[in-house]
Amino acid sequence: MKNIRKILKTTGIVLGAGLVTCAVASNAFYNIGLKRQRPKKNGKSKKQQEPDAYEEIIEQSREWFGDQNPEVVSIESFDGLDLAGYYLACEDAKRTVICVHGYRGSGIRDFAYIARFYHEHQCNVLLIDQRGHGASEGEYVDLGVKARFDCVKWAEYVVELTGPGLPIYLDGVSMGAATVLMAGGLELPESVRGIIADCGYTSPWDEAKHACKTHFHLPAYPTVFLLNLQCRLRAGYSLREASPIEAMEKCKIPILFVHGEDDDFVPPEMSRLNYEAYAGEKQIEIVPHAKHAVSYMVDTERCNQVLLEFFEKHDQ
C-alpha cells in the first residue's frame, strides 16, 4: 500500500511538473512567437537581421521598389486597426496583384523581388503589411485568422481604386498564403480571379503543433492547447477558429498552390492536403531543392512561366 501511494505521489509530481513546464512553454511560445516584435534600432526585426543566401537579392529589390515611389495607402480593419500598404501602379495594367507577406515579414521585404516581375508584366501591385507587422497596427500575430477579413477589405479597396473590370489576384507566402486561402472561403469581389498560395499551412492549429515538435522540441499536447488558451484570452482568437483546409469547402476561385520540396517550417504535405481538399479549379507546383518561402528565388524562370500562364488563363 505504501509503495502504491509512493508511486502515485511520484507520478503526480512528475505530471504536475510536466504541466507547469508546458504552461510556461506555451506562455513563452505566445510571447516569442505571436506577440508583436518591435523593430530594432536599424529598423529590422530579428528575422530580418538573420543573413541568408538571398539577402543581397532582397535588399536590391527593396531598393528598386523604393525607387519607384510607391503610394502609401491604408484601410481600416473591421476591428478598428489602421492597416498599411504600398501601391505601385502600372501603365496599361492588365491586372492587380495583392501581395500578402509571411510570418514576421513585411510586404516590401517578402514581395519586392517578385513585385518587379509583376510590374514589368503589366500588373499593378499592392504590397500590404499584415496586422501586427510593419507599418500596420496590431499587437499580435493572428496567423491569418482575423487577417482573412483584412484581405477581403484590401480587395474591395482595389476595386474602388481601379474599377470592377480589372482582374485581381491574391498572392500570399507562408502565413500570407494561409491568409489568402482563408479569405477565399469568404465573399470576395467578383474581380478576384485567382489565388496564389506559396507554402501555406493547413491550419494555425496544425502549424502550431508542427512548430512545437520541430522548433521548440515540446509535446504538442498539452502545449498547443495551453497556447490556444493564451490566444483566446490575450488576443481574442482561437487557433481552431478558421483554417485554409476548411475554407476550401467554400472557395470558388482558381488556386495555384506552390511549395518548396525541402521546406521544414511548413511541410509541403500541407499544401498537398489543401490542394486535395479543394474541388475547384486548381494547380500545384512543388519546387525541388527549395526551402521555406524561397521557391520563387530558387526557380525564378519556372515560377515566372507558371504565373504568366495562370494570369493568361484567368484574366478573362
Foldseek 3Di string as FASTA:
>chain_A
DVVVVVVVVVVVVVVVVLVVVLLVVLVVCFVVFWFFFDADPVRAGPVLPDDDPCNVVLVVLLVVLVVQVFDWDWDAAPVGKTWIKTKRAAPQAQAEEEEFEAGQDFQSSQCSNVVVVQRVVRYIYIRIGFDSYDPIHHGTHDLQLRCLRVVQVVQVVVCVVPNLLHAYEYEYFESSLWNPLQVLLDDHRPSHAEYERELYAFFLLVLQCLCCCPPVVHHSPPNSVSSQVCCCVPPNDGSPNTGSLVSLVRGAHEYEYEYECAESSRHPVRSVSSQVSHPYHYYYYYAYPDYGSCSCVVCVPVVSVVVVVSCVVGSD
